[in-house]
Amino acid sequence: MRLSYHYLDIGDLDGYGSLFTADAVLHFPEMAPIRGRCAIEAFRAAQSPREHTLQSVTVTHGEVVIIGVIAAIGPNGGSTNTAFVDSFTLSDYGLITAQKTDFGSGENSRAVG
C-alpha cells in the first residue's frame, strides 16, 4: 500500500494502476464508485499534484487501513493539508480490489503557504 502512495506522489500512474485488479473499485467521497483499473488511473491523472504522509498502517488478513495527511499542491506552490483514512481490500494475490477514502474535516485540514 505504501507503494501506491509513492506512485501517486511521483505521478507514475502506470505503476499505481498495476497495484489494482482489472475490476477494482475506488470509493471516493461524494462520487459514484469508480470501477476498473483504467477508470481509476484516469481519475487519479485528473487530480492536482499531491504528497501523502502516512501516520498509521493497520494490516489484517486481506485488509489494510491507512491514516495520513495529503498535501494538495496548488499552482502557486502553496498546499492544503487534509487528513484521510483509506481502507483497502486485497485479492488473494495481494492486488487491490477495493479502496475507500474518507477525509477529515475542520481541525484536520488547513491551508499552508
PDB file of N, CA and C in Angstrom:
ATOM      1  N   MET A   1       0.817  -1.184   0.000  1.00  0.00           N
ATOM      2  CA  MET A   1       0.000   0.000   0.000  1.00  0.00           C
ATOM      3  C   MET A   1       0.869   1.259   0.000  1.00  0.00           C
ATOM      4  N   ARG A   2       1.985   1.192   0.733  1.00  0.00           N
ATOM      5  CA  ARG A   2       2.887   2.350   0.750  1.00  0.00           C
ATOM      6  C   ARG A   2       3.340   2.695  -0.660  1.00  0.00           C
ATOM      7  N   LEU A   3       3.551   1.671  -1.477  1.00  0.00           N
ATOM      8  CA  LEU A   3       3.988   1.890  -2.849  1.00  0.00           C
ATOM      9  C   LEU A   3       2.927   2.643  -3.654  1.00  0.00           C
ATOM     10  N   SER A   4       1.643   2.425  -3.362  1.00  0.00           N
ATOM     11  CA  SER A   4       0.589   3.135  -4.103  1.00  0.00           C
ATOM     12  C   SER A   4       0.703   4.643  -3.894  1.00  0.00           C
ATOM     13  N   TYR A   5       1.007   5.061  -2.674  1.00  0.00           N
ATOM     14  CA  TYR A   5       1.158   6.494  -2.396  1.00  0.00           C
ATOM     15  C   TYR A   5       2.422   7.038  -3.049  1.00  0.00           C
ATOM     16  N   HIS A   6       3.479   6.254  -3.031  1.00  0.00           N
ATOM     17  CA  HIS A   6       4.715   6.690  -3.690  1.00  0.00           C
ATOM     18  C   HIS A   6       4.458   6.914  -5.179  1.00  0.00           C
ATOM     19  N   TYR A   7       3.788   5.957  -5.822  1.00  0.00           N
ATOM     20  CA  TYR A   7       3.477   6.112  -7.244  1.00  0.00           C
ATOM     21  C   TYR A   7       2.621   7.355  -7.493  1.00  0.00           C
ATOM     22  N   LEU A   8       1.622   7.595  -6.655  1.00  0.00           N
ATOM     23  CA  LEU A   8       0.799   8.796  -6.824  1.00  0.00           C
ATOM     24  C   LEU A   8       1.634  10.064  -6.651  1.00  0.00           C
ATOM     25  N   ASP A   9       2.494  10.070  -5.648  1.00  0.00           N
ATOM     26  CA  ASP A   9       3.282  11.266  -5.358  1.00  0.00           C
ATOM     27  C   ASP A   9       4.264  11.616  -6.472  1.00  0.00           C
ATOM     28  N   ILE A  10       4.789  10.589  -7.164  1.00  0.00           N
ATOM     29  CA  ILE A  10       5.747  10.868  -8.250  1.00  0.00           C
ATOM     30  C   ILE A  10       5.069  10.917  -9.613  1.00  0.00           C
ATOM     31  N   GLY A  11       3.749  10.670  -9.648  1.00  0.00           N
ATOM     32  CA  GLY A  11       2.997  10.750 -10.897  1.00  0.00           C
ATOM     33  C   GLY A  11       3.127   9.527 -11.795  1.00  0.00           C
ATOM     34  N   ASP A  12       3.491   8.367 -11.243  1.00  0.00           N
ATOM     35  CA  ASP A  12       3.616   7.132 -12.016  1.00  0.00           C
ATOM     36  C   ASP A  12       2.280   6.395 -11.984  1.00  0.00           C
ATOM     37  N   LEU A  13       1.383   6.779 -12.895  1.00  0.00           N
ATOM     38  CA  LEU A  13       0.041   6.205 -12.881  1.00  0.00           C
ATOM     39  C   LEU A  13       0.021   4.777 -13.398  1.00  0.00           C
ATOM     40  N   ASP A  14       0.964   4.413 -14.273  1.00  0.00           N
ATOM     41  CA  ASP A  14       1.047   3.015 -14.712  1.00  0.00           C
ATOM     42  C   ASP A  14       1.425   2.126 -13.533  1.00  0.00           C
ATOM     43  N   GLY A  15       2.420   2.563 -12.769  1.00  0.00           N
ATOM     44  CA  GLY A  15       2.816   1.811 -11.582  1.00  0.00           C
ATOM     45  C   GLY A  15       1.679   1.722 -10.588  1.00  0.00           C
ATOM     46  N   TYR A  16       1.002   2.855 -10.360  1.00  0.00           N
ATOM     47  CA  TYR A  16      -0.139   2.895  -9.447  1.00  0.00           C
ATOM     48  C   TYR A  16      -1.213   1.911  -9.899  1.00  0.00           C
ATOM     49  N   GLY A  17      -1.565   1.973 -11.168  1.00  0.00           N
ATOM     50  CA  GLY A  17      -2.613   1.100 -11.697  1.00  0.00           C
ATOM     51  C   GLY A  17      -2.258  -0.371 -11.620  1.00  0.00           C
ATOM     52  N   SER A  18      -0.959  -0.681 -11.699  1.00  0.00           N
ATOM     53  CA  SER A  18      -0.531  -2.085 -11.663  1.00  0.00           C
ATOM     54  C   SER A  18      -0.814  -2.740 -10.312  1.00  0.00           C
ATOM     55  N   LEU A  19      -1.118  -1.955  -9.293  1.00  0.00           N
ATOM     56  CA  LEU A  19      -1.400  -2.490  -7.966  1.00  0.00           C
ATOM     57  C   LEU A  19      -2.861  -2.917  -7.798  1.00  0.00           C
ATOM     58  N   PHE A  20      -3.711  -2.605  -8.805  1.00  0.00           N
ATOM     59  CA  PHE A  20      -5.142  -2.883  -8.754  1.00  0.00           C
ATOM     60  C   PHE A  20      -5.516  -4.053  -9.659  1.00  0.00           C
ATOM     61  N   THR A  21      -6.558  -4.790  -9.268  1.00  0.00           N
ATOM     62  CA  THR A  21      -7.126  -5.783 -10.171  1.00  0.00           C
ATOM     63  C   THR A  21      -7.844  -5.032 -11.296  1.00  0.00           C
ATOM     64  N   ALA A  22      -8.062  -5.715 -12.410  1.00  0.00           N
ATOM     65  CA  ALA A  22      -8.711  -5.080 -13.556  1.00  0.00           C
ATOM     66  C   ALA A  22     -10.108  -4.566 -13.223  1.00  0.00           C
ATOM     67  N   ASP A  23     -10.799  -5.235 -12.294  1.00  0.00           N
ATOM     68  CA  ASP A  23     -12.169  -4.851 -11.951  1.00  0.00           C
ATOM     69  C   ASP A  23     -12.278  -4.150 -10.590  1.00  0.00           C
ATOM     70  N   ALA A  24     -11.188  -3.577 -10.126  1.00  0.00           N
ATOM     71  CA  ALA A  24     -11.169  -2.891  -8.824  1.00  0.00           C
ATOM     72  C   ALA A  24     -12.169  -1.744  -8.783  1.00  0.00           C
ATOM     73  N   VAL A  25     -12.544  -1.363  -7.560  1.00  0.00           N
ATOM     74  CA  VAL A  25     -13.496  -0.268  -7.352  1.00  0.00           C
ATOM     75  C   VAL A  25     -12.882   0.727  -6.373  1.00  0.00           C
ATOM     76  N   LEU A  26     -12.951   2.015  -6.724  1.00  0.00           N
ATOM     77  CA  LEU A  26     -12.495   3.099  -5.858  1.00  0.00           C
ATOM     78  C   LEU A  26     -13.724   3.855  -5.374  1.00  0.00           C
ATOM     79  N   HIS A  27     -13.872   3.930  -4.055  1.00  0.00           N
ATOM     80  CA  HIS A  27     -14.966   4.696  -3.444  1.00  0.00           C
ATOM     81  C   HIS A  27     -14.358   5.985  -2.919  1.00  0.00           C
ATOM     82  N   PHE A  28     -14.756   7.098  -3.519  1.00  0.00           N
ATOM     83  CA  PHE A  28     -14.221   8.411  -3.168  1.00  0.00           C
ATOM     84  C   PHE A  28     -15.375   9.274  -2.693  1.00  0.00           C
ATOM     85  N   PRO A  29     -15.173  10.100  -1.668  1.00  0.00           N
ATOM     86  CA  PRO A  29     -16.283  10.884  -1.111  1.00  0.00           C
ATOM     87  C   PRO A  29     -17.048  11.686  -2.165  1.00  0.00           C
ATOM     88  N   GLU A  30     -18.369  11.640  -2.026  1.00  0.00           N
ATOM     89  CA  GLU A  30     -19.289  12.434  -2.844  1.00  0.00           C
ATOM     90  C   GLU A  30     -19.200  12.124  -4.331  1.00  0.00           C
ATOM     91  N   MET A  31     -18.800  10.890  -4.670  1.00  0.00           N
ATOM     92  CA  MET A  31     -18.728  10.471  -6.067  1.00  0.00           C
ATOM     93  C   MET A  31     -19.323   9.074  -6.196  1.00  0.00           C
ATOM     94  N   ALA A  32     -19.815   8.782  -7.393  1.00  0.00           N
ATOM     95  CA  ALA A  32     -20.224   7.408  -7.682  1.00  0.00           C
ATOM     96  C   ALA A  32     -18.970   6.540  -7.686  1.00  0.00           C
ATOM     97  N   PRO A  33     -19.094   5.260  -7.368  1.00  0.00           N
ATOM     98  CA  PRO A  33     -17.910   4.395  -7.391  1.00  0.00           C
ATOM     99  C   PRO A  33     -17.212   4.433  -8.756  1.00  0.00           C
ATOM    100  N   ILE A  34     -15.904   4.438  -8.720  1.00  0.00           N
ATOM    101  CA  ILE A  34     -15.089   4.435  -9.938  1.00  0.00           C
ATOM    102  C   ILE A  34     -14.673   2.989 -10.152  1.00  0.00           C
ATOM    103  N   ARG A  35     -15.100   2.411 -11.265  1.00  0.00           N
ATOM    104  CA  ARG A  35     -14.936   0.973 -11.486  1.00  0.00           C
ATOM    105  C   ARG A  35     -13.920   0.679 -12.586  1.00  0.00           C
ATOM    106  N   GLY A  36     -12.961  -0.167 -12.263  1.00  0.00           N
ATOM    107  CA  GLY A  36     -11.981  -0.633 -13.231  1.00  0.00           C
ATOM    108  C   GLY A  36     -10.663   0.114 -13.132  1.00  0.00           C
ATOM    109  N   ARG A  37      -9.580  -0.629 -13.358  1.00  0.00           N
ATOM    110  CA  ARG A  37      -8.229  -0.075 -13.254  1.00  0.00           C
ATOM    111  C   ARG A  37      -8.043   1.160 -14.145  1.00  0.00           C
ATOM    112  N   CYS A  38      -8.502   1.090 -15.391  1.00  0.00           N
ATOM    113  CA  CYS A  38      -8.312   2.223 -16.311  1.00  0.00           C
ATOM    114  C   CYS A  38      -9.049   3.473 -15.829  1.00  0.00           C
ATOM    115  N   ALA A  39     -10.266   3.304 -15.337  1.00  0.00           N
ATOM    116  CA  ALA A  39     -11.039   4.453 -14.837  1.00  0.00           C
ATOM    117  C   ALA A  39     -10.386   5.034 -13.587  1.00  0.00           C
ATOM    118  N   ILE A  40      -9.830   4.180 -12.728  1.00  0.00           N
ATOM    119  CA  ILE A  40      -9.140   4.657 -11.526  1.00  0.00           C
ATOM    120  C   ILE A  40      -7.905   5.450 -11.905  1.00  0.00           C
ATOM    121  N   GLU A  41      -7.124   4.958 -12.875  1.00  0.00           N
ATOM    122  CA  GLU A  41      -5.942   5.687 -13.345  1.00  0.00           C
ATOM    123  C   GLU A  41      -6.342   7.037 -13.928  1.00  0.00           C
ATOM    124  N   ALA A  42      -7.397   7.070 -14.730  1.00  0.00           N
ATOM    125  CA  ALA A  42      -7.853   8.331 -15.334  1.00  0.00           C
ATOM    126  C   ALA A  42      -8.296   9.318 -14.264  1.00  0.00           C
ATOM    127  N   PHE A  43      -9.004   8.840 -13.251  1.00  0.00           N
ATOM    128  CA  PHE A  43      -9.433   9.701 -12.154  1.00  0.00           C
ATOM    129  C   PHE A  43      -8.221  10.314 -11.452  1.00  0.00           C
ATOM    130  N   ARG A  44      -7.240   9.493 -11.141  1.00  0.00           N
ATOM    131  CA  ARG A  44      -6.039   9.985 -10.453  1.00  0.00           C
ATOM    132  C   ARG A  44      -5.249  10.950 -11.332  1.00  0.00           C
ATOM    133  N   ALA A  45      -5.221  10.716 -12.638  1.00  0.00           N
ATOM    134  CA  ALA A  45      -4.488  11.598 -13.555  1.00  0.00           C
ATOM    135  C   ALA A  45      -5.086  13.001 -13.574  1.00  0.00           C
ATOM    136  N   ALA A  46      -6.379  13.112 -13.325  1.00  0.00           N
ATOM    137  CA  ALA A  46      -7.067  14.410 -13.351  1.00  0.00           C
ATOM    138  C   ALA A  46      -6.888  15.197 -12.059  1.00  0.00           C
ATOM    139  N   GLN A  47      -6.319  14.581 -11.020  1.00  0.00           N
ATOM    140  CA  GLN A  47      -6.148  15.274  -9.748  1.00  0.00           C
ATOM    141  C   GLN A  47      -4.894  16.149  -9.770  1.00  0.00           C
ATOM    142  N   SER A  48      -4.920  17.191  -8.943  1.00  0.00           N
ATOM    143  CA  SER A  48      -3.755  18.063  -8.827  1.00  0.00           C
ATOM    144  C   SER A  48      -2.627  17.312  -8.124  1.00  0.00           C
ATOM    145  N   PRO A  49      -1.379  17.770  -8.299  1.00  0.00           N
ATOM    146  CA  PRO A  49      -0.257  17.113  -7.617  1.00  0.00           C
ATOM    147  C   PRO A  49      -0.477  17.102  -6.104  1.00  0.00           C
ATOM    148  N   ARG A  50      -0.013  16.037  -5.472  1.00  0.00           N
ATOM    149  CA  ARG A  50      -0.200  15.891  -4.036  1.00  0.00           C
ATOM    150  C   ARG A  50       0.920  15.071  -3.442  1.00  0.00           C
ATOM    151  N   GLU A  51       1.032  15.199  -2.138  1.00  0.00           N
ATOM    152  CA  GLU A  51       2.044  14.446  -1.402  1.00  0.00           C
ATOM    153  C   GLU A  51       1.386  13.814  -0.184  1.00  0.00           C
ATOM    154  N   HIS A  52       1.606  12.534  -0.002  1.00  0.00           N
ATOM    155  CA  HIS A  52       0.986  11.795   1.101  1.00  0.00           C
ATOM    156  C   HIS A  52       1.988  11.577   2.227  1.00  0.00           C
ATOM    157  N   THR A  53       1.544  11.788   3.456  1.00  0.00           N
ATOM    158  CA  THR A  53       2.325  11.451   4.646  1.00  0.00           C
ATOM    159  C   THR A  53       1.504  10.443   5.428  1.00  0.00           C
ATOM    160  N   LEU A  54       2.064   9.235   5.583  1.00  0.00           N
ATOM    161  CA  LEU A  54       1.341   8.178   6.282  1.00  0.00           C
ATOM    162  C   LEU A  54       1.658   8.235   7.764  1.00  0.00           C
ATOM    163  N   GLN A  55       0.615   8.143   8.579  1.00  0.00           N
ATOM    164  CA  GLN A  55       0.780   8.215  10.025  1.00  0.00           C
ATOM    165  C   GLN A  55       0.538   6.882  10.706  1.00  0.00           C
ATOM    166  N   SER A  56      -0.296   6.031  10.104  1.00  0.00           N
ATOM    167  CA  SER A  56      -0.635   4.752  10.709  1.00  0.00           C
ATOM    168  C   SER A  56      -1.015   3.770   9.621  1.00  0.00           C
ATOM    169  N   VAL A  57      -0.496   2.544   9.726  1.00  0.00           N
ATOM    170  CA  VAL A  57      -0.849   1.471   8.797  1.00  0.00           C
ATOM    171  C   VAL A  57      -1.257   0.259   9.630  1.00  0.00           C
ATOM    172  N   THR A  58      -2.497  -0.211   9.430  1.00  0.00           N
ATOM    173  CA  THR A  58      -3.010  -1.372  10.151  1.00  0.00           C
ATOM    174  C   THR A  58      -3.339  -2.453   9.134  1.00  0.00           C
ATOM    175  N   VAL A  59      -2.765  -3.635   9.342  1.00  0.00           N
ATOM    176  CA  VAL A  59      -2.946  -4.735   8.400  1.00  0.00           C
ATOM    177  C   VAL A  59      -3.625  -5.900   9.100  1.00  0.00           C
ATOM    178  N   THR A  60      -4.695  -6.404   8.480  1.00  0.00           N
ATOM    179  CA  THR A  60      -5.317  -7.651   8.905  1.00  0.00           C
ATOM    180  C   THR A  60      -5.427  -8.509   7.652  1.00  0.00           C
ATOM    181  N   HIS A  61      -5.842  -9.728   7.781  1.00  0.00           N
ATOM    182  CA  HIS A  61      -5.927 -10.619   6.626  1.00  0.00           C
ATOM    183  C   HIS A  61      -6.819 -10.018   5.540  1.00  0.00           C
ATOM    184  N   GLY A  62      -6.220  -9.662   4.422  1.00  0.00           N
ATOM    185  CA  GLY A  62      -6.970  -9.168   3.279  1.00  0.00           C
ATOM    186  C   GLY A  62      -7.409  -7.724   3.357  1.00  0.00           C
ATOM    187  N   GLU A  63      -7.061  -7.012   4.427  1.00  0.00           N
ATOM    188  CA  GLU A  63      -7.464  -5.610   4.553  1.00  0.00           C
ATOM    189  C   GLU A  63      -6.333  -4.770   5.133  1.00  0.00           C
ATOM    190  N   VAL A  64      -6.271  -3.538   4.651  1.00  0.00           N
ATOM    191  CA  VAL A  64      -5.280  -2.582   5.149  1.00  0.00           C
ATOM    192  C   VAL A  64      -5.995  -1.254   5.367  1.00  0.00           C
ATOM    193  N   VAL A  65      -5.752  -0.630   6.518  1.00  0.00           N
ATOM    194  CA  VAL A  65      -6.303   0.703   6.795  1.00  0.00           C
ATOM    195  C   VAL A  65      -5.128   1.645   7.026  1.00  0.00           C
ATOM    196  N   ILE A  66      -5.125   2.749   6.298  1.00  0.00           N
ATOM    197  CA  ILE A  66      -4.042   3.727   6.395  1.00  0.00           C
ATOM    198  C   ILE A  66      -4.627   5.080   6.766  1.00  0.00           C
ATOM    199  N   ILE A  67      -4.011   5.716   7.757  1.00  0.00           N
ATOM    200  CA  ILE A  67      -4.381   7.064   8.185  1.00  0.00           C
ATOM    201  C   ILE A  67      -3.203   7.972   7.855  1.00  0.00           C
ATOM    202  N   GLY A  68      -3.502   9.137   7.307  1.00  0.00           N
ATOM    203  CA  GLY A  68      -2.424  10.052   6.966  1.00  0.00           C
ATOM    204  C   GLY A  68      -2.929  11.432   6.630  1.00  0.00           C
ATOM    205  N   VAL A  69      -2.050  12.193   5.994  1.00  0.00           N
ATOM    206  CA  VAL A  69      -2.346  13.564   5.575  1.00  0.00           C
ATOM    207  C   VAL A  69      -1.930  13.722   4.120  1.00  0.00           C
ATOM    208  N   ILE A  70      -2.798  14.359   3.338  1.00  0.00           N
ATOM    209  CA  ILE A  70      -2.491  14.683   1.952  1.00  0.00           C
ATOM    210  C   ILE A  70      -2.202  16.176   1.880  1.00  0.00           C
ATOM    211  N   ALA A  71      -1.090  16.524   1.250  1.00  0.00           N
ATOM    212  CA  ALA A  71      -0.803  17.926   0.949  1.00  0.00           C
ATOM    213  C   ALA A  71      -1.073  18.113  -0.538  1.00  0.00           C
ATOM    214  N   ALA A  72      -2.195  18.754  -0.878  1.00  0.00           N
ATOM    215  CA  ALA A  72      -2.513  19.064  -2.270  1.00  0.00           C
ATOM    216  C   ALA A  72      -1.765  20.341  -2.630  1.00  0.00           C
ATOM    217  N   ILE A  73      -0.957  20.270  -3.674  1.00  0.00           N
ATOM    218  CA  ILE A  73      -0.097  21.379  -4.045  1.00  0.00           C
ATOM    219  C   ILE A  73      -0.788  22.230  -5.103  1.00  0.00           C
ATOM    220  N   GLY A  74      -0.979  23.509  -4.803  1.00  0.00           N
ATOM    221  CA  GLY A  74      -1.640  24.427  -5.716  1.00  0.00           C
ATOM    222  C   GLY A  74      -0.687  25.009  -6.741  1.00  0.00           C
ATOM    223  N   PRO A  75      -1.227  25.703  -7.743  1.00  0.00           N
ATOM    224  CA  PRO A  75      -0.401  26.263  -8.815  1.00  0.00           C
ATOM    225  C   PRO A  75       0.582  27.329  -8.331  1.00  0.00           C
ATOM    226  N   ASN A  76       0.298  27.965  -7.190  1.00  0.00           N
ATOM    227  CA  ASN A  76       1.201  28.999  -6.666  1.00  0.00           C
ATOM    228  C   ASN A  76       2.257  28.414  -5.728  1.00  0.00           C
ATOM    229  N   GLY A  77       2.255  27.080  -5.577  1.00  0.00           N
ATOM    230  CA  GLY A  77       3.234  26.431  -4.715  1.00  0.00           C
ATOM    231  C   GLY A  77       2.741  26.193  -3.306  1.00  0.00           C
ATOM    232  N   GLY A  78       1.639  26.814  -2.915  1.00  0.00           N
ATOM    233  CA  GLY A  78       1.084  26.577  -1.584  1.00  0.00           C
ATOM    234  C   GLY A  78       0.421  25.209  -1.535  1.00  0.00           C
ATOM    235  N   SER A  79       0.081  24.765  -0.350  1.00  0.00           N
ATOM    236  CA  SER A  79      -0.577  23.467  -0.240  1.00  0.00           C
ATOM    237  C   SER A  79      -1.708  23.529   0.777  1.00  0.00           C
ATOM    238  N   THR A  80      -2.633  22.586   0.628  1.00  0.00           N
ATOM    239  CA  THR A  80      -3.717  22.411   1.571  1.00  0.00           C
ATOM    240  C   THR A  80      -3.596  21.015   2.142  1.00  0.00           C
ATOM    241  N   ASN A  81      -3.474  20.917   3.450  1.00  0.00           N
ATOM    242  CA  ASN A  81      -3.327  19.622   4.104  1.00  0.00           C
ATOM    243  C   ASN A  81      -4.695  19.101   4.530  1.00  0.00           C
ATOM    244  N   THR A  82      -4.952  17.826   4.221  1.00  0.00           N
ATOM    245  CA  THR A  82      -6.220  17.194   4.567  1.00  0.00           C
ATOM    246  C   THR A  82      -5.956  15.809   5.140  1.00  0.00           C
ATOM    247  N   ALA A  83      -6.538  15.535   6.299  1.00  0.00           N
ATOM    248  CA  ALA A  83      -6.428  14.207   6.897  1.00  0.00           C
ATOM    249  C   ALA A  83      -7.261  13.225   6.078  1.00  0.00           C
ATOM    250  N   PHE A  84      -6.770  11.980   5.963  1.00  0.00           N
ATOM    251  CA  PHE A  84      -7.510  10.963   5.236  1.00  0.00           C
ATOM    252  C   PHE A  84      -7.408   9.614   5.938  1.00  0.00           C
ATOM    253  N   VAL A  85      -8.388   8.768   5.620  1.00  0.00           N
ATOM    254  CA  VAL A  85      -8.362   7.363   6.015  1.00  0.00           C
ATOM    255  C   VAL A  85      -8.689   6.567   4.760  1.00  0.00           C
ATOM    256  N   ASP A  86      -7.787   5.671   4.380  1.00  0.00           N
ATOM    257  CA  ASP A  86      -8.007   4.785   3.247  1.00  0.00           C
ATOM    258  C   ASP A  86      -8.149   3.363   3.757  1.00  0.00           C
ATOM    259  N   SER A  87      -9.187   2.685   3.294  1.00  0.00           N
ATOM    260  CA  SER A  87      -9.403   1.272   3.606  1.00  0.00           C
ATOM    261  C   SER A  87      -9.262   0.488   2.309  1.00  0.00           C
ATOM    262  N   PHE A  88      -8.373  -0.498   2.306  1.00  0.00           N
ATOM    263  CA  PHE A  88      -8.110  -1.311   1.124  1.00  0.00           C
ATOM    264  C   PHE A  88      -8.565  -2.746   1.374  1.00  0.00           C
ATOM    265  N   THR A  89      -9.135  -3.368   0.347  1.00  0.00           N
ATOM    266  CA  THR A  89      -9.407  -4.794   0.349  1.00  0.00           C
ATOM    267  C   THR A  89      -8.500  -5.406  -0.705  1.00  0.00           C
ATOM    268  N   LEU A  90      -7.861  -6.524  -0.359  1.00  0.00           N
ATOM    269  CA  LEU A  90      -6.873  -7.131  -1.237  1.00  0.00           C
ATOM    270  C   LEU A  90      -7.350  -8.474  -1.775  1.00  0.00           C
ATOM    271  N   SER A  91      -6.883  -8.797  -2.986  1.00  0.00           N
ATOM    272  CA  SER A  91      -7.141 -10.109  -3.561  1.00  0.00           C
ATOM    273  C   SER A  91      -6.221 -11.133  -2.895  1.00  0.00           C
ATOM    274  N   ASP A  92      -6.430 -12.396  -3.204  1.00  0.00           N
ATOM    275  CA  ASP A  92      -5.570 -13.452  -2.671  1.00  0.00           C
ATOM    276  C   ASP A  92      -4.117 -13.277  -3.133  1.00  0.00           C
ATOM    277  N   TYR A  93      -3.914 -12.521  -4.205  1.00  0.00           N
ATOM    278  CA  TYR A  93      -2.574 -12.294  -4.752  1.00  0.00           C
ATOM    279  C   TYR A  93      -1.972 -10.966  -4.307  1.00  0.00           C
ATOM    280  N   GLY A  94      -2.664 -10.260  -3.413  1.00  0.00           N
ATOM    281  CA  GLY A  94      -2.132  -9.017  -2.868  1.00  0.00           C
ATOM    282  C   GLY A  94      -2.432  -7.776  -3.686  1.00  0.00           C
ATOM    283  N   LEU A  95      -3.238  -7.893  -4.742  1.00  0.00           N
ATOM    284  CA  LEU A  95      -3.639  -6.712  -5.512  1.00  0.00           C
ATOM    285  C   LEU A  95      -4.850  -6.058  -4.853  1.00  0.00           C
ATOM    286  N   ILE A  96      -5.021  -4.781  -5.102  1.00  0.00           N
ATOM    287  CA  ILE A  96      -6.134  -4.026  -4.525  1.00  0.00           C
ATOM    288  C   ILE A  96      -7.406  -4.323  -5.317  1.00  0.00           C
ATOM    289  N   THR A  97      -8.447  -4.777  -4.616  1.00  0.00           N
ATOM    290  CA  THR A  97      -9.741  -5.000  -5.265  1.00  0.00           C
ATOM    291  C   THR A  97     -10.705  -3.852  -4.974  1.00  0.00           C
ATOM    292  N   ALA A  98     -10.487  -3.155  -3.851  1.00  0.00           N
ATOM    293  CA  ALA A  98     -11.338  -2.022  -3.489  1.00  0.00           C
ATOM    294  C   ALA A  98     -10.560  -1.075  -2.589  1.00  0.00           C
ATOM    295  N   GLN A  99     -10.838   0.207  -2.786  1.00  0.00           N
ATOM    296  CA  GLN A  99     -10.264   1.245  -1.920  1.00  0.00           C
ATOM    297  C   GLN A  99     -11.375   2.223  -1.593  1.00  0.00           C
ATOM    298  N   LYS A 100     -11.505   2.540  -0.302  1.00  0.00           N
ATOM    299  CA  LYS A 100     -12.479   3.538   0.144  1.00  0.00           C
ATOM    300  C   LYS A 100     -11.721   4.639   0.863  1.00  0.00           C
ATOM    301  N   THR A 101     -11.934   5.866   0.426  1.00  0.00           N
ATOM    302  CA  THR A 101     -11.274   7.023   1.011  1.00  0.00           C
ATOM    303  C   THR A 101     -12.278   7.878   1.762  1.00  0.00           C
ATOM    304  N   ASP A 102     -11.894   8.311   2.953  1.00  0.00           N
ATOM    305  CA  ASP A 102     -12.659   9.286   3.732  1.00  0.00           C
ATOM    306  C   ASP A 102     -11.703  10.392   4.141  1.00  0.00           C
ATOM    307  N   PHE A 103     -12.224  11.611   4.228  1.00  0.00           N
ATOM    308  CA  PHE A 103     -11.393  12.762   4.609  1.00  0.00           C
ATOM    309  C   PHE A 103     -11.799  13.306   5.949  1.00  0.00           C
ATOM    310  N   GLY A 104     -10.806  13.872   6.659  1.00  0.00           N
ATOM    311  CA  GLY A 104     -11.059  14.594   7.904  1.00  0.00           C
ATOM    312  C   GLY A 104     -11.686  15.942   7.577  1.00  0.00           C
ATOM    313  N   SER A 105     -12.038  16.674   8.603  1.00  0.00           N
ATOM    314  CA  SER A 105     -12.643  17.988   8.371  1.00  0.00           C
ATOM    315  C   SER A 105     -12.153  18.978   9.419  1.00  0.00           C
ATOM    316  N   GLY A 106     -12.390  20.224   9.142  1.00  0.00           N
ATOM    317  CA  GLY A 106     -12.141  21.295  10.112  1.00  0.00           C
ATOM    318  C   GLY A 106     -10.731  21.311  10.658  1.00  0.00           C
ATOM    319  N   GLU A 107     -10.559  20.819  11.887  1.00  0.00           N
ATOM    320  CA  GLU A 107      -9.280  20.893  12.578  1.00  0.00           C
ATOM    321  C   GLU A 107      -8.179  20.117  11.861  1.00  0.00           C
ATOM    322  N   ASN A 108      -8.545  19.063  11.125  1.00  0.00           N
ATOM    323  CA  ASN A 108      -7.550  18.238  10.476  1.00  0.00           C
ATOM    324  C   ASN A 108      -7.101  18.796   9.126  1.00  0.00           C
ATOM    325  N   SER A 109      -7.767  19.815   8.633  1.00  0.00           N
ATOM    326  CA  SER A 109      -7.440  20.365   7.319  1.00  0.00           C
ATOM    327  C   SER A 109      -7.005  21.823   7.498  1.00  0.00           C
ATOM    328  N   ARG A 110      -5.936  22.177   6.780  1.00  0.00           N
ATOM    329  CA  ARG A 110      -5.516  23.575   6.844  1.00  0.00           C
ATOM    330  C   ARG A 110      -4.729  23.948   5.618  1.00  0.00           C
ATOM    331  N   ALA A 111      -4.801  25.202   5.250  1.00  0.00           N
ATOM    332  CA  ALA A 111      -4.038  25.720   4.124  1.00  0.00           C
ATOM    333  C   ALA A 111      -2.664  26.127   4.599  1.00  0.00           C
ATOM    334  N   VAL A 112      -1.663  25.883   3.784  1.00  0.00           N
ATOM    335  CA  VAL A 112      -0.291  26.242   4.098  1.00  0.00           C
ATOM    336  C   VAL A 112       0.277  27.002   2.910  1.00  0.00           C
ATOM    337  N   GLY A 113       1.052  28.050   3.200  1.00  0.00           N
ATOM    338  CA  GLY A 113       1.718  28.799   2.110  1.00  0.00           C
ATOM    339  C   GLY A 113       0.828  29.795   1.560  1.00  0.00           C
TER     340      GLY A 113
END
